[in-house]
Amino acid sequence: MINEYHIPVLFETCLKAMELDNGTVFVDVTFGGGGHSKAILERIGEDAVLIAFDQDEDALANVVEDDKLIFVNANFRYLKNFLKYYEHPKVDAVLADLGVSSHQFDAGERGFSIRTNAKLDMRMNQQADVSAYHVVNDYPERDLFAMFNAYADLKNVRKVVYAIVNKRNEGPIETTGQLVELLSPLMIGKKLNQFLAQIFQAIRIEVNDEMGALRDMLEQAADVLKPGGRLVVMSYHSIEDRLVKNFIRSGKFTGEAEKDLYGNIIKPLSAVNKKPIVPTEEENKVNSRARSAKLRVATKNAE
């Protein structure tokens, strides 16, 4: 299952951080190929339960038959509602392995990859209304500027936006191949693939409202964790990691932390590690996706 769909990064480290021996209700909000979930199910007791989330219908093929598993085919931003629905409002650990799975990149027809020519899609939830086609062809110039400035580390954002707008005035940009052909002349040389990947990344984040969903999930995870429970989050993008780091540190995503009368920061979580855990060089060689990974672990403070 793991090899065919997705190779988890820092696999054993994530499972250890969840402290599976210290609870009975666990959550995997990014089921994907089921690699983490399968291992969790093998290691928890018969009286325990795992609630796994994934909005991608392709993930349904990886669901295993196990009485301890509750699978939710929905975005993890609805974490709290579904936990209440399944009568497990408080949990012992929440695991999130963020970003796009290897399967989604390899499924060329989904439009996530710069390597294949497919319809502009990039929807993780294939029933969602907004696709990459809508973003590229219908977003006003100012919204395209804002999107690329926020989600891509580009020095020529204006040229990118103007190229897209001028081209779509001639007719719709319908495929990933058209987008690659249009924008490739803006970056010649060894950094072309990185340049295109950043553009696709920004569009994908916008299509799926990934940062909004992440903020929702983190706030809800802090609410549903039992005191002493673990939040384990793997991120692959600096914006994701910053949101996770700030929320663990201060209970907020931006601005100054709130403090009590004695000057102590009021926050729901405390970091287990001061710095993020990163893969070893050996793992980086085996799995190229690991190079950008950062793992942060936090414990729920007493209420």
Foldseek 3Di string as FASTA:
>chain_A
DCVVWFPDFPQVVLVVLQVQVPFAEEEEADCTLNPNVVVSLVPHDPNHAYEYEFQAPVNVVNDDDDPRYHYHNDHLLCVQVVCVVVPQQAGQEYEYEDDDGPNCQVPVQQQLHLPHKYWQALDSNNPDDFGLQCVLQPDPLVVQLVLLVVQAPDPPSVVLSVLSVVVCVVPGDTISPSSLVSCQVVDDDDCSRVRSNSSSRSSNCVRHVVVVSLLSNVLSNLVRYDAFGKYKYKDQGPLSVLQVVVCQVAVDSDDDHDADPVRHGDHFKHWPDPFWDAGDVVVCVVPVSRHRITMTMIGTHHD
